[in-house]
C-alpha cells in the first residue's frame, strides 16, 4: 500500500502511518489488553465509532501491523492479532505511557487494564 509522503523525515513518515487519534489506541488494546475482536475494541472508554474502527483495522492489516483471521463460520467475524511488525511498537507505546504519566497531571493507568508502571518489576511483558 502506498502512503502519501510529506517528506523523507522518519517522524513524519511514521506519523503518516500511525499518527491519527485512534491507531495507537487500537494497538494498545491489542498489545496490553488482549483485545482481538471488533466488539472488544468498541468497549474501550475512548468511544471509537464503528466506521473509524473498520477503517483503522483495515489500514493496520494493509500495513502489516495486524493480521486478521476468521473466528467463526461467519466470514465477516475476525480476530485481529499483532504481527511482529506491530509488536515492534511496544517500546514506542511504553515511552508514550511513561511520558504521559510523568508529564501530564491526573494521568493514570486504570486499575487492571495495563501493568502498574510504579511496580519495580514492571516490564510490559
PDB file of N, CA and C in Angstrom:
ATOM      1  N   UNK A   1       0.840  -1.177   0.000  1.00  0.00           N
ATOM      2  CA  UNK A   1       0.000   0.000   0.000  1.00  0.00           C
ATOM      3  C   UNK A   1       0.883   1.238   0.000  1.00  0.00           C
ATOM      4  N   UNK A   2       0.594   2.145  -0.852  1.00  0.00           N
ATOM      5  CA  UNK A   2       1.387   3.354  -0.962  1.00  0.00           C
ATOM      6  C   UNK A   2       0.742   4.466  -0.147  1.00  0.00           C
ATOM      7  N   UNK A   3       1.517   5.014   0.762  1.00  0.00           N
ATOM      8  CA  UNK A   3       1.049   6.114   1.599  1.00  0.00           C
ATOM      9  C   UNK A   3       1.583   7.426   1.029  1.00  0.00           C
ATOM     10  N   UNK A   4       0.804   8.505   1.152  1.00  0.00           N
ATOM     11  CA  UNK A   4       1.333   9.799   0.723  1.00  0.00           C
ATOM     12  C   UNK A   4       2.576  10.151   1.536  1.00  0.00           C
ATOM     13  N   UNK A   5       3.513  10.790   0.901  1.00  0.00           N
ATOM     14  CA  UNK A   5       4.784  11.121   1.544  1.00  0.00           C
ATOM     15  C   UNK A   5       4.895  12.636   1.668  1.00  0.00           C
ATOM     16  N   UNK A   6       4.884  13.143   2.920  1.00  0.00           N
ATOM     17  CA  UNK A   6       5.082  14.579   3.136  1.00  0.00           C
ATOM     18  C   UNK A   6       6.542  14.934   3.019  1.00  0.00           C
ATOM     19  N   UNK A   7       7.395  14.029   3.464  1.00  0.00           N
ATOM     20  CA  UNK A   7       8.835  14.243   3.422  1.00  0.00           C
ATOM     21  C   UNK A   7       9.510  12.899   3.647  1.00  0.00           C
ATOM     22  N   UNK A   8      10.824  12.900   3.684  1.00  0.00           N
ATOM     23  CA  UNK A   8      11.575  11.684   3.972  1.00  0.00           C
ATOM     24  C   UNK A   8      11.875  11.553   5.465  1.00  0.00           C
ATOM     25  N   UNK A   9      11.441  12.519   6.260  1.00  0.00           N
ATOM     26  CA  UNK A   9      11.681  12.505   7.708  1.00  0.00           C
ATOM     27  C   UNK A   9      11.025  11.274   8.339  1.00  0.00           C
ATOM     28  N   UNK A  10      11.766  10.480   9.130  1.00  0.00           N
ATOM     29  CA  UNK A  10      11.181   9.281   9.725  1.00  0.00           C
ATOM     30  C   UNK A  10      10.047   9.593  10.708  1.00  0.00           C
ATOM     31  N   UNK A  11      10.090  10.724  11.368  1.00  0.00           N
ATOM     32  CA  UNK A  11       8.992  11.094  12.270  1.00  0.00           C
ATOM     33  C   UNK A  11       7.742  11.383  11.453  1.00  0.00           C
ATOM     34  N   UNK A  12       7.868  12.181  10.419  1.00  0.00           N
ATOM     35  CA  UNK A  12       6.714  12.494   9.566  1.00  0.00           C
ATOM     36  C   UNK A  12       6.148  11.242   8.919  1.00  0.00           C
ATOM     37  N   UNK A  13       7.012  10.371   8.427  1.00  0.00           N
ATOM     38  CA  UNK A  13       6.551   9.148   7.759  1.00  0.00           C
ATOM     39  C   UNK A  13       5.839   8.224   8.739  1.00  0.00           C
ATOM     40  N   UNK A  14       6.376   8.105   9.963  1.00  0.00           N
ATOM     41  CA  UNK A  14       5.734   7.270  10.975  1.00  0.00           C
ATOM     42  C   UNK A  14       4.379   7.845  11.352  1.00  0.00           C
ATOM     43  N   UNK A  15       4.312   9.155  11.548  1.00  0.00           N
ATOM     44  CA  UNK A  15       3.035   9.784  11.884  1.00  0.00           C
ATOM     45  C   UNK A  15       2.016   9.637  10.758  1.00  0.00           C
ATOM     46  N   UNK A  16       2.486   9.614   9.516  1.00  0.00           N
ATOM     47  CA  UNK A  16       1.567   9.367   8.401  1.00  0.00           C
ATOM     48  C   UNK A  16       0.884   8.010   8.543  1.00  0.00           C
ATOM     49  N   UNK A  17       1.582   7.043   9.141  1.00  0.00           N
ATOM     50  CA  UNK A  17       1.037   5.688   9.274  1.00  0.00           C
ATOM     51  C   UNK A  17       0.234   5.496  10.554  1.00  0.00           C
ATOM     52  N   UNK A  18       0.742   5.997  11.679  1.00  0.00           N
ATOM     53  CA  UNK A  18       0.107   5.677  12.968  1.00  0.00           C
ATOM     54  C   UNK A  18      -0.188   6.911  13.814  1.00  0.00           C
ATOM     55  N   UNK A  19      -0.169   8.082  13.212  1.00  0.00           N
ATOM     56  CA  UNK A  19      -0.280   9.308  13.986  1.00  0.00           C
ATOM     57  C   UNK A  19      -1.676   9.875  14.164  1.00  0.00           C
ATOM     58  N   UNK A  20      -2.703   9.178  13.749  1.00  0.00           N
ATOM     59  CA  UNK A  20      -4.052   9.685  13.982  1.00  0.00           C
ATOM     60  C   UNK A  20      -4.457   9.399  15.430  1.00  0.00           C
ATOM     61  N   UNK A  21      -5.616   9.855  15.831  1.00  0.00           N
ATOM     62  CA  UNK A  21      -6.008   9.742  17.240  1.00  0.00           C
ATOM     63  C   UNK A  21      -6.479   8.350  17.652  1.00  0.00           C
ATOM     64  N   UNK A  22      -6.612   7.395  16.723  1.00  0.00           N
ATOM     65  CA  UNK A  22      -7.162   6.084  17.071  1.00  0.00           C
ATOM     66  C   UNK A  22      -6.192   4.913  16.917  1.00  0.00           C
ATOM     67  N   UNK A  23      -5.291   4.968  15.982  1.00  0.00           N
ATOM     68  CA  UNK A  23      -4.489   3.803  15.621  1.00  0.00           C
ATOM     69  C   UNK A  23      -3.686   3.242  16.792  1.00  0.00           C
ATOM     70  N   UNK A  24      -2.971   4.093  17.517  1.00  0.00           N
ATOM     71  CA  UNK A  24      -2.177   3.585  18.638  1.00  0.00           C
ATOM     72  C   UNK A  24      -3.056   3.081  19.781  1.00  0.00           C
ATOM     73  N   UNK A  25      -4.278   3.609  19.906  1.00  0.00           N
ATOM     74  CA  UNK A  25      -5.189   3.093  20.937  1.00  0.00           C
ATOM     75  C   UNK A  25      -5.655   1.677  20.583  1.00  0.00           C
ATOM     76  N   UNK A  26      -5.880   1.415  19.316  1.00  0.00           N
ATOM     77  CA  UNK A  26      -6.243   0.059  18.888  1.00  0.00           C
ATOM     78  C   UNK A  26      -5.065  -0.881  19.146  1.00  0.00           C
ATOM     79  N   UNK A  27      -3.869  -0.437  18.792  1.00  0.00           N
ATOM     80  CA  UNK A  27      -2.682  -1.259  19.050  1.00  0.00           C
ATOM     81  C   UNK A  27      -2.494  -1.466  20.546  1.00  0.00           C
ATOM     82  N   UNK A  28      -2.709  -0.418  21.353  1.00  0.00           N
ATOM     83  CA  UNK A  28      -2.653  -0.551  22.819  1.00  0.00           C
ATOM     84  C   UNK A  28      -3.596  -1.643  23.298  1.00  0.00           C
ATOM     85  N   UNK A  29      -4.830  -1.603  22.804  1.00  0.00           N
ATOM     86  CA  UNK A  29      -5.821  -2.589  23.230  1.00  0.00           C
ATOM     87  C   UNK A  29      -5.393  -4.012  22.874  1.00  0.00           C
ATOM     88  N   UNK A  30      -4.768  -4.172  21.747  1.00  0.00           N
ATOM     89  CA  UNK A  30      -4.300  -5.493  21.344  1.00  0.00           C
ATOM     90  C   UNK A  30      -3.088  -5.917  22.165  1.00  0.00           C
ATOM     91  N   UNK A  31      -2.145  -5.001  22.316  1.00  0.00           N
ATOM     92  CA  UNK A  31      -0.871  -5.313  22.934  1.00  0.00           C
ATOM     93  C   UNK A  31      -0.978  -5.536  24.439  1.00  0.00           C
ATOM     94  N   UNK A  32      -1.699  -4.680  25.129  1.00  0.00           N
ATOM     95  CA  UNK A  32      -1.723  -4.719  26.580  1.00  0.00           C
ATOM     96  C   UNK A  32      -3.014  -5.269  27.178  1.00  0.00           C
ATOM     97  N   UNK A  33      -4.098  -5.229  26.428  1.00  0.00           N
ATOM     98  CA  UNK A  33      -5.382  -5.679  26.963  1.00  0.00           C
ATOM     99  C   UNK A  33      -5.875  -6.963  26.324  1.00  0.00           C
ATOM    100  N   UNK A  34      -5.160  -7.468  25.330  1.00  0.00           N
ATOM    101  CA  UNK A  34      -5.501  -8.740  24.716  1.00  0.00           C
ATOM    102  C   UNK A  34      -6.755  -8.718  23.858  1.00  0.00           C
ATOM    103  N   UNK A  35      -7.195  -7.545  23.445  1.00  0.00           N
ATOM    104  CA  UNK A  35      -8.395  -7.480  22.605  1.00  0.00           C
ATOM    105  C   UNK A  35      -8.065  -7.987  21.215  1.00  0.00           C
ATOM    106  N   UNK A  36      -9.034  -8.711  20.633  1.00  0.00           N
ATOM    107  CA  UNK A  36      -8.835  -9.293  19.307  1.00  0.00           C
ATOM    108  C   UNK A  36     -10.034  -9.104  18.389  1.00  0.00           C
ATOM    109  N   UNK A  37     -11.183  -8.841  18.952  1.00  0.00           N
ATOM    110  CA  UNK A  37     -12.402  -8.804  18.145  1.00  0.00           C
ATOM    111  C   UNK A  37     -12.975  -7.399  18.073  1.00  0.00           C
ATOM    112  N   UNK A  38     -13.640  -7.135  16.963  1.00  0.00           N
ATOM    113  CA  UNK A  38     -14.234  -5.837  16.678  1.00  0.00           C
ATOM    114  C   UNK A  38     -15.037  -5.319  17.869  1.00  0.00           C
ATOM    115  N   UNK A  39     -15.890  -6.165  18.411  1.00  0.00           N
ATOM    116  CA  UNK A  39     -16.759  -5.764  19.526  1.00  0.00           C
ATOM    117  C   UNK A  39     -15.947  -5.375  20.757  1.00  0.00           C
ATOM    118  N   UNK A  40     -14.812  -6.033  20.972  1.00  0.00           N
ATOM    119  CA  UNK A  40     -13.965  -5.727  22.120  1.00  0.00           C
ATOM    120  C   UNK A  40     -13.352  -4.327  21.986  1.00  0.00           C
ATOM    121  N   UNK A  41     -12.952  -3.962  20.783  1.00  0.00           N
ATOM    122  CA  UNK A  41     -12.384  -2.629  20.578  1.00  0.00           C
ATOM    123  C   UNK A  41     -13.434  -1.546  20.829  1.00  0.00           C
ATOM    124  N   UNK A  42     -14.674  -1.833  20.498  1.00  0.00           N
ATOM    125  CA  UNK A  42     -15.752  -0.860  20.711  1.00  0.00           C
ATOM    126  C   UNK A  42     -16.006  -0.599  22.189  1.00  0.00           C
ATOM    127  N   UNK A  43     -15.599  -1.507  23.069  1.00  0.00           N
ATOM    128  CA  UNK A  43     -15.818  -1.357  24.511  1.00  0.00           C
ATOM    129  C   UNK A  43     -14.813  -0.413  25.180  1.00  0.00           C
ATOM    130  N   UNK A  44     -13.775  -0.001  24.466  1.00  0.00           N
ATOM    131  CA  UNK A  44     -12.765   0.881  25.053  1.00  0.00           C
ATOM    132  C   UNK A  44     -13.389   2.216  25.443  1.00  0.00           C
ATOM    133  N   UNK A  45     -12.915   2.819  26.521  1.00  0.00           N
ATOM    134  CA  UNK A  45     -13.557   4.036  27.046  1.00  0.00           C
ATOM    135  C   UNK A  45     -13.454   5.248  26.119  1.00  0.00           C
ATOM    136  N   UNK A  46     -12.555   5.232  25.146  1.00  0.00           N
ATOM    137  CA  UNK A  46     -12.414   6.385  24.260  1.00  0.00           C
ATOM    138  C   UNK A  46     -13.569   6.532  23.278  1.00  0.00           C
ATOM    139  N   UNK A  47     -14.331   5.461  23.062  1.00  0.00           N
ATOM    140  CA  UNK A  47     -15.552   5.542  22.267  1.00  0.00           C
ATOM    141  C   UNK A  47     -15.356   5.676  20.765  1.00  0.00           C
ATOM    142  N   UNK A  48     -14.546   4.823  20.173  1.00  0.00           N
ATOM    143  CA  UNK A  48     -14.354   4.846  18.723  1.00  0.00           C
ATOM    144  C   UNK A  48     -15.636   4.440  18.007  1.00  0.00           C
ATOM    145  N   UNK A  49     -15.930   5.085  16.896  1.00  0.00           N
ATOM    146  CA  UNK A  49     -17.123   4.734  16.122  1.00  0.00           C
ATOM    147  C   UNK A  49     -16.831   3.522  15.239  1.00  0.00           C
ATOM    148  N   UNK A  50     -17.866   2.825  14.839  1.00  0.00           N
ATOM    149  CA  UNK A  50     -17.698   1.595  14.070  1.00  0.00           C
ATOM    150  C   UNK A  50     -17.031   1.853  12.721  1.00  0.00           C
ATOM    151  N   UNK A  51     -17.384   2.957  12.051  1.00  0.00           N
ATOM    152  CA  UNK A  51     -16.786   3.211  10.737  1.00  0.00           C
ATOM    153  C   UNK A  51     -15.297   3.556  10.853  1.00  0.00           C
ATOM    154  N   UNK A  52     -14.913   4.277  11.885  1.00  0.00           N
ATOM    155  CA  UNK A  52     -13.492   4.593  12.092  1.00  0.00           C
ATOM    156  C   UNK A  52     -12.733   3.315  12.447  1.00  0.00           C
ATOM    157  N   UNK A  53     -13.305   2.495  13.333  1.00  0.00           N
ATOM    158  CA  UNK A  53     -12.658   1.249  13.725  1.00  0.00           C
ATOM    159  C   UNK A  53     -12.463   0.342  12.510  1.00  0.00           C
ATOM    160  N   UNK A  54     -13.474   0.207  11.687  1.00  0.00           N
ATOM    161  CA  UNK A  54     -13.371  -0.603  10.470  1.00  0.00           C
ATOM    162  C   UNK A  54     -12.232  -0.101   9.592  1.00  0.00           C
ATOM    163  N   UNK A  55     -12.186   1.217   9.397  1.00  0.00           N
ATOM    164  CA  UNK A  55     -11.150   1.820   8.571  1.00  0.00           C
ATOM    165  C   UNK A  55      -9.762   1.571   9.138  1.00  0.00           C
ATOM    166  N   UNK A  56      -9.578   1.762  10.442  1.00  0.00           N
ATOM    167  CA  UNK A  56      -8.249   1.612  11.047  1.00  0.00           C
ATOM    168  C   UNK A  56      -7.793   0.155  11.052  1.00  0.00           C
ATOM    169  N   UNK A  57      -8.690  -0.774  11.328  1.00  0.00           N
ATOM    170  CA  UNK A  57      -8.305  -2.187  11.299  1.00  0.00           C
ATOM    171  C   UNK A  57      -7.897  -2.605   9.885  1.00  0.00           C
ATOM    172  N   UNK A  58      -8.614  -2.118   8.900  1.00  0.00           N
ATOM    173  CA  UNK A  58      -8.251  -2.414   7.509  1.00  0.00           C
ATOM    174  C   UNK A  58      -6.879  -1.835   7.190  1.00  0.00           C
ATOM    175  N   UNK A  59      -6.622  -0.594   7.599  1.00  0.00           N
ATOM    176  CA  UNK A  59      -5.333   0.039   7.359  1.00  0.00           C
ATOM    177  C   UNK A  59      -4.204  -0.714   8.065  1.00  0.00           C
ATOM    178  N   UNK A  60      -4.419  -1.086   9.337  1.00  0.00           N
ATOM    179  CA  UNK A  60      -3.403  -1.822  10.081  1.00  0.00           C
ATOM    180  C   UNK A  60      -3.085  -3.156   9.417  1.00  0.00           C
ATOM    181  N   UNK A  61      -4.098  -3.804   8.876  1.00  0.00           N
ATOM    182  CA  UNK A  61      -3.900  -5.053   8.143  1.00  0.00           C
ATOM    183  C   UNK A  61      -3.089  -4.797   6.874  1.00  0.00           C
ATOM    184  N   UNK A  62      -3.445  -3.771   6.122  1.00  0.00           N
ATOM    185  CA  UNK A  62      -2.738  -3.447   4.888  1.00  0.00           C
ATOM    186  C   UNK A  62      -1.284  -3.060   5.143  1.00  0.00           C
ATOM    187  N   UNK A  63      -1.024  -2.414   6.280  1.00  0.00           N
ATOM    188  CA  UNK A  63       0.341  -2.006   6.632  1.00  0.00           C
ATOM    189  C   UNK A  63       1.171  -3.154   7.197  1.00  0.00           C
ATOM    190  N   UNK A  64       0.528  -4.288   7.451  1.00  0.00           N
ATOM    191  CA  UNK A  64       1.233  -5.438   8.001  1.00  0.00           C
ATOM    192  C   UNK A  64       1.474  -5.354   9.500  1.00  0.00           C
ATOM    193  N   UNK A  65       0.736  -4.486  10.192  1.00  0.00           N
ATOM    194  CA  UNK A  65       0.871  -4.378  11.643  1.00  0.00           C
ATOM    195  C   UNK A  65      -0.033  -5.366  12.369  1.00  0.00           C
ATOM    196  N   UNK A  66      -1.128  -5.751  11.737  1.00  0.00           N
ATOM    197  CA  UNK A  66      -2.017  -6.777  12.286  1.00  0.00           C
ATOM    198  C   UNK A  66      -2.349  -7.765  11.180  1.00  0.00           C
ATOM    199  N   UNK A  67      -2.767  -8.932  11.608  1.00  0.00           N
ATOM    200  CA  UNK A  67      -3.311  -9.903  10.662  1.00  0.00           C
ATOM    201  C   UNK A  67      -4.681 -10.311  11.182  1.00  0.00           C
ATOM    202  N   UNK A  68      -5.556 -10.588  10.259  1.00  0.00           N
ATOM    203  CA  UNK A  68      -6.901 -10.988  10.658  1.00  0.00           C
ATOM    204  C   UNK A  68      -7.149 -12.419  10.237  1.00  0.00           C
ATOM    205  N   UNK A  69      -7.949 -13.088  11.068  1.00  0.00           N
ATOM    206  CA  UNK A  69      -8.313 -14.471  10.800  1.00  0.00           C
ATOM    207  C   UNK A  69      -9.766 -14.662  11.225  1.00  0.00           C
ATOM    208  N   UNK A  70     -10.546 -15.376  10.421  1.00  0.00           N
ATOM    209  CA  UNK A  70     -11.931 -15.647  10.819  1.00  0.00           C
ATOM    210  C   UNK A  70     -11.964 -16.471  12.099  1.00  0.00           C
ATOM    211  N   UNK A  71     -12.924 -16.198  12.981  1.00  0.00           N
ATOM    212  CA  UNK A  71     -13.027 -16.984  14.211  1.00  0.00           C
ATOM    213  C   UNK A  71     -14.336 -17.753  14.310  1.00  0.00           C
ATOM    214  N   UNK A  72     -15.157 -17.685  13.295  1.00  0.00           N
ATOM    215  CA  UNK A  72     -16.379 -18.483  13.302  1.00  0.00           C
ATOM    216  C   UNK A  72     -16.724 -18.824  11.854  1.00  0.00           C
ATOM    217  N   UNK A  73     -17.814 -19.508  11.684  1.00  0.00           N
ATOM    218  CA  UNK A  73     -18.232 -19.871  10.332  1.00  0.00           C
ATOM    219  C   UNK A  73     -18.734 -18.649   9.557  1.00  0.00           C
ATOM    220  N   UNK A  74     -19.012 -17.562  10.253  1.00  0.00           N
ATOM    221  CA  UNK A  74     -19.439 -16.332   9.603  1.00  0.00           C
ATOM    222  C   UNK A  74     -18.196 -15.629   9.070  1.00  0.00           C
ATOM    223  N   UNK A  75     -18.110 -15.465   7.767  1.00  0.00           N
ATOM    224  CA  UNK A  75     -16.878 -14.985   7.130  1.00  0.00           C
ATOM    225  C   UNK A  75     -16.486 -13.565   7.531  1.00  0.00           C
ATOM    226  N   UNK A  76     -17.395 -12.794   8.093  1.00  0.00           N
ATOM    227  CA  UNK A  76     -17.079 -11.410   8.452  1.00  0.00           C
ATOM    228  C   UNK A  76     -16.612 -11.258   9.894  1.00  0.00           C
ATOM    229  N   UNK A  77     -16.652 -12.302  10.686  1.00  0.00           N
ATOM    230  CA  UNK A  77     -16.195 -12.229  12.078  1.00  0.00           C
ATOM    231  C   UNK A  77     -14.709 -12.570  12.121  1.00  0.00           C
ATOM    232  N   UNK A  78     -13.925 -11.584  12.560  1.00  0.00           N
ATOM    233  CA  UNK A  78     -12.477 -11.736  12.512  1.00  0.00           C
ATOM    234  C   UNK A  78     -11.835 -11.539  13.881  1.00  0.00           C
ATOM    235  N   UNK A  79     -10.750 -12.244  14.086  1.00  0.00           N
ATOM    236  CA  UNK A  79      -9.818 -11.974  15.174  1.00  0.00           C
ATOM    237  C   UNK A  79      -8.688 -11.166  14.567  1.00  0.00           C
ATOM    238  N   UNK A  80      -8.227 -10.167  15.298  1.00  0.00           N
ATOM    239  CA  UNK A  80      -7.094  -9.358  14.856  1.00  0.00           C
ATOM    240  C   UNK A  80      -5.964  -9.567  15.840  1.00  0.00           C
ATOM    241  N   UNK A  81      -4.778  -9.849  15.307  1.00  0.00           N
ATOM    242  CA  UNK A  81      -3.607 -10.058  16.150  1.00  0.00           C
ATOM    243  C   UNK A  81      -2.443  -9.260  15.595  1.00  0.00           C
ATOM    244  N   UNK A  82      -1.616  -8.761  16.508  1.00  0.00           N
ATOM    245  CA  UNK A  82      -0.435  -8.025  16.087  1.00  0.00           C
ATOM    246  C   UNK A  82       0.563  -8.952  15.408  1.00  0.00           C
ATOM    247  N   UNK A  83       1.154  -8.472  14.345  1.00  0.00           N
ATOM    248  CA  UNK A  83       2.254  -9.173  13.700  1.00  0.00           C
ATOM    249  C   UNK A  83       3.540  -8.779  14.433  1.00  0.00           C
ATOM    250  N   UNK A  84       4.638  -9.358  14.035  1.00  0.00           N
ATOM    251  CA  UNK A  84       5.922  -8.953  14.627  1.00  0.00           C
ATOM    252  C   UNK A  84       6.172  -7.464  14.393  1.00  0.00           C
ATOM    253  N   UNK A  85       5.793  -6.975  13.232  1.00  0.00           N
ATOM    254  CA  UNK A  85       5.941  -5.547  12.931  1.00  0.00           C
ATOM    255  C   UNK A  85       5.097  -4.709  13.891  1.00  0.00           C
ATOM    256  N   UNK A  86       3.868  -5.150  14.158  1.00  0.00           N
ATOM    257  CA  UNK A  86       3.011  -4.448  15.120  1.00  0.00           C
ATOM    258  C   UNK A  86       3.566  -4.517  16.526  1.00  0.00           C
ATOM    259  N   UNK A  87       4.062  -5.689  16.907  1.00  0.00           N
ATOM    260  CA  UNK A  87       4.639  -5.859  18.243  1.00  0.00           C
ATOM    261  C   UNK A  87       5.879  -4.995  18.438  1.00  0.00           C
ATOM    262  N   UNK A  88       6.552  -4.663  17.346  1.00  0.00           N
ATOM    263  CA  UNK A  88       7.758  -3.836  17.463  1.00  0.00           C
ATOM    264  C   UNK A  88       7.450  -2.415  17.921  1.00  0.00           C
ATOM    265  N   UNK A  89       6.174  -2.042  17.981  1.00  0.00           N
ATOM    266  CA  UNK A  89       5.777  -0.734  18.506  1.00  0.00           C
ATOM    267  C   UNK A  89       5.735  -0.696  20.036  1.00  0.00           C
ATOM    268  N   UNK A  90       5.971  -1.818  20.702  1.00  0.00           N
ATOM    269  CA  UNK A  90       5.938  -1.887  22.165  1.00  0.00           C
ATOM    270  C   UNK A  90       6.791  -0.804  22.830  1.00  0.00           C
ATOM    271  N   UNK A  91       8.059  -0.615  22.439  1.00  0.00           N
ATOM    272  CA  UNK A  91       8.849   0.432  23.110  1.00  0.00           C
ATOM    273  C   UNK A  91       8.298   1.838  22.863  1.00  0.00           C
ATOM    274  N   UNK A  92       7.668   2.054  21.720  1.00  0.00           N
ATOM    275  CA  UNK A  92       7.060   3.354  21.438  1.00  0.00           C
ATOM    276  C   UNK A  92       5.906   3.595  22.415  1.00  0.00           C
ATOM    277  N   UNK A  93       5.041   2.601  22.576  1.00  0.00           N
ATOM    278  CA  UNK A  93       3.915   2.744  23.496  1.00  0.00           C
ATOM    279  C   UNK A  93       4.394   2.875  24.936  1.00  0.00           C
ATOM    280  N   UNK A  94       5.411   2.116  25.303  1.00  0.00           N
ATOM    281  CA  UNK A  94       5.971   2.228  26.655  1.00  0.00           C
ATOM    282  C   UNK A  94       6.488   3.639  26.901  1.00  0.00           C
ATOM    283  N   UNK A  95       7.159   4.212  25.924  1.00  0.00           N
ATOM    284  CA  UNK A  95       7.688   5.566  26.067  1.00  0.00           C
ATOM    285  C   UNK A  95       6.562   6.591  26.179  1.00  0.00           C
ATOM    286  N   UNK A  96       5.505   6.428  25.407  1.00  0.00           N
ATOM    287  CA  UNK A  96       4.369   7.349  25.479  1.00  0.00           C
ATOM    288  C   UNK A  96       3.694   7.248  26.844  1.00  0.00           C
ATOM    289  N   UNK A  97       3.522   6.021  27.335  1.00  0.00           N
ATOM    290  CA  UNK A  97       2.918   5.823  28.657  1.00  0.00           C
ATOM    291  C   UNK A  97       3.775   6.486  29.730  1.00  0.00           C
ATOM    292  N   UNK A  98       5.069   6.223  29.711  1.00  0.00           N
ATOM    293  CA  UNK A  98       5.964   6.790  30.727  1.00  0.00           C
ATOM    294  C   UNK A  98       5.964   8.315  30.655  1.00  0.00           C
ATOM    295  N   UNK A  99       5.997   8.866  29.459  1.00  0.00           N
ATOM    296  CA  UNK A  99       5.999  10.316  29.312  1.00  0.00           C
ATOM    297  C   UNK A  99       4.685  10.895  29.830  1.00  0.00           C
ATOM    298  N   UNK A 100       3.573  10.303  29.443  1.00  0.00           N
ATOM    299  CA  UNK A 100       2.271  10.793  29.892  1.00  0.00           C
ATOM    300  C   UNK A 100       2.116  10.751  31.402  1.00  0.00           C
ATOM    301  N   UNK A 101       2.554   9.646  32.019  1.00  0.00           N
ATOM    302  CA  UNK A 101       2.475   9.532  33.476  1.00  0.00           C
ATOM    303  C   UNK A 101       3.353  10.562  34.165  1.00  0.00           C
ATOM    304  N   UNK A 102       4.497  10.862  33.567  1.00  0.00           N
ATOM    305  CA  UNK A 102       5.432  11.786  34.197  1.00  0.00           C
ATOM    306  C   UNK A 102       5.163  13.253  33.908  1.00  0.00           C
ATOM    307  N   UNK A 103       4.470  13.548  32.812  1.00  0.00           N
ATOM    308  CA  UNK A 103       4.359  14.939  32.382  1.00  0.00           C
ATOM    309  C   UNK A 103       2.944  15.506  32.336  1.00  0.00           C
ATOM    310  N   UNK A 104       1.932  14.672  32.403  1.00  0.00           N
ATOM    311  CA  UNK A 104       0.560  15.164  32.295  1.00  0.00           C
ATOM    312  C   UNK A 104      -0.163  14.895  33.608  1.00  0.00           C
ATOM    313  N   UNK A 105      -0.591  15.967  34.266  1.00  0.00           N
ATOM    314  CA  UNK A 105      -1.265  15.844  35.559  1.00  0.00           C
ATOM    315  C   UNK A 105      -2.521  14.983  35.428  1.00  0.00           C
ATOM    316  N   UNK A 106      -2.811  14.263  36.487  1.00  0.00           N
ATOM    317  CA  UNK A 106      -4.009  13.419  36.587  1.00  0.00           C
ATOM    318  C   UNK A 106      -4.049  12.304  35.549  1.00  0.00           C
ATOM    319  N   UNK A 107      -2.897  11.904  35.051  1.00  0.00           N
ATOM    320  CA  UNK A 107      -2.825  10.774  34.128  1.00  0.00           C
ATOM    321  C   UNK A 107      -2.530   9.525  34.940  1.00  0.00           C
ATOM    322  N   UNK A 108      -3.259   8.471  34.651  1.00  0.00           N
ATOM    323  CA  UNK A 108      -3.025   7.220  35.365  1.00  0.00           C
ATOM    324  C   UNK A 108      -3.438   6.045  34.500  1.00  0.00           C
ATOM    325  N   UNK A 109      -2.903   4.910  34.842  1.00  0.00           N
ATOM    326  CA  UNK A 109      -3.288   3.673  34.174  1.00  0.00           C
ATOM    327  C   UNK A 109      -4.459   3.102  34.956  1.00  0.00           C
ATOM    328  N   UNK A 110      -5.595   2.886  34.305  1.00  0.00           N
ATOM    329  CA  UNK A 110      -6.748   2.316  35.011  1.00  0.00           C
ATOM    330  C   UNK A 110      -6.415   0.976  35.639  1.00  0.00           C
ATOM    331  N   UNK A 111      -6.885   0.768  36.848  1.00  0.00           N
ATOM    332  CA  UNK A 111      -6.642  -0.490  37.569  1.00  0.00           C
ATOM    333  C   UNK A 111      -7.058  -1.674  36.707  1.00  0.00           C
ATOM    334  N   UNK A 112      -6.169  -2.656  36.623  1.00  0.00           N
ATOM    335  CA  UNK A 112      -6.492  -3.897  35.931  1.00  0.00           C
ATOM    336  C   UNK A 112      -6.439  -3.812  34.425  1.00  0.00           C
ATOM    337  N   UNK A 113      -6.062  -2.651  33.866  1.00  0.00           N
ATOM    338  CA  UNK A 113      -6.043  -2.551  32.413  1.00  0.00           C
ATOM    339  C   UNK A 113      -4.651  -2.672  31.827  1.00  0.00           C
ATOM    340  N   UNK A 114      -3.689  -2.022  32.423  1.00  0.00           N
ATOM    341  CA  UNK A 114      -2.316  -2.100  31.962  1.00  0.00           C
ATOM    342  C   UNK A 114      -1.434  -2.380  33.162  1.00  0.00           C
ATOM    343  N   UNK A 115      -0.238  -2.889  32.945  1.00  0.00           N
ATOM    344  CA  UNK A 115       0.652  -3.162  34.074  1.00  0.00           C
ATOM    345  C   UNK A 115       0.932  -1.905  34.887  1.00  0.00           C
ATOM    346  N   UNK A 116       1.163  -2.073  36.166  1.00  0.00           N
ATOM    347  CA  UNK A 116       1.472  -0.969  37.067  1.00  0.00           C
ATOM    348  C   UNK A 116       2.906  -0.523  36.823  1.00  0.00           C
ATOM    349  N   UNK A 117       3.078   0.670  36.271  1.00  0.00           N
ATOM    350  CA  UNK A 117       4.414   1.149  35.938  1.00  0.00           C
ATOM    351  C   UNK A 117       5.192   1.583  37.167  1.00  0.00           C
ATOM    352  N   UNK A 118       4.550   1.672  38.319  1.00  0.00           N
ATOM    353  CA  UNK A 118       5.260   2.027  39.551  1.00  0.00           C
ATOM    354  C   UNK A 118       5.830   0.794  40.235  1.00  0.00           C
ATOM    355  N   UNK A 119       5.451  -0.360  39.775  1.00  0.00           N
ATOM    356  CA  UNK A 119       5.969  -1.619  40.299  1.00  0.00           C
ATOM    357  C   UNK A 119       7.412  -1.778  39.823  1.00  0.00           C
ATOM    358  N   UNK A 120       8.356  -2.054  40.728  1.00  0.00           N
ATOM    359  CA  UNK A 120       9.749  -2.193  40.305  1.00  0.00           C
ATOM    360  C   UNK A 120       9.964  -3.333  39.305  1.00  0.00           C
ATOM    361  N   UNK A 121       9.071  -4.293  39.277  1.00  0.00           N
ATOM    362  CA  UNK A 121       9.208  -5.400  38.329  1.00  0.00           C
ATOM    363  C   UNK A 121       8.463  -5.141  37.016  1.00  0.00           C
ATOM    364  N   UNK A 122       7.995  -3.911  36.824  1.00  0.00           N
ATOM    365  CA  UNK A 122       7.250  -3.536  35.641  1.00  0.00           C
ATOM    366  C   UNK A 122       8.099  -3.741  34.386  1.00  0.00           C
ATOM    367  N   UNK A 123       7.573  -4.473  33.422  1.00  0.00           N
ATOM    368  CA  UNK A 123       8.322  -4.745  32.198  1.00  0.00           C
ATOM    369  C   UNK A 123       7.458  -4.665  30.930  1.00  0.00           C
ATOM    370  N   UNK A 124       6.169  -4.476  31.035  1.00  0.00           N
ATOM    371  CA  UNK A 124       5.272  -4.508  29.873  1.00  0.00           C
ATOM    372  C   UNK A 124       5.491  -5.777  29.071  1.00  0.00           C
ATOM    373  N   UNK A 125       5.388  -6.909  29.714  1.00  0.00           N
ATOM    374  CA  UNK A 125       5.637  -8.164  29.022  1.00  0.00           C
ATOM    375  C   UNK A 125       4.519  -8.539  28.099  1.00  0.00           C
TER     376      UNK A 125
END
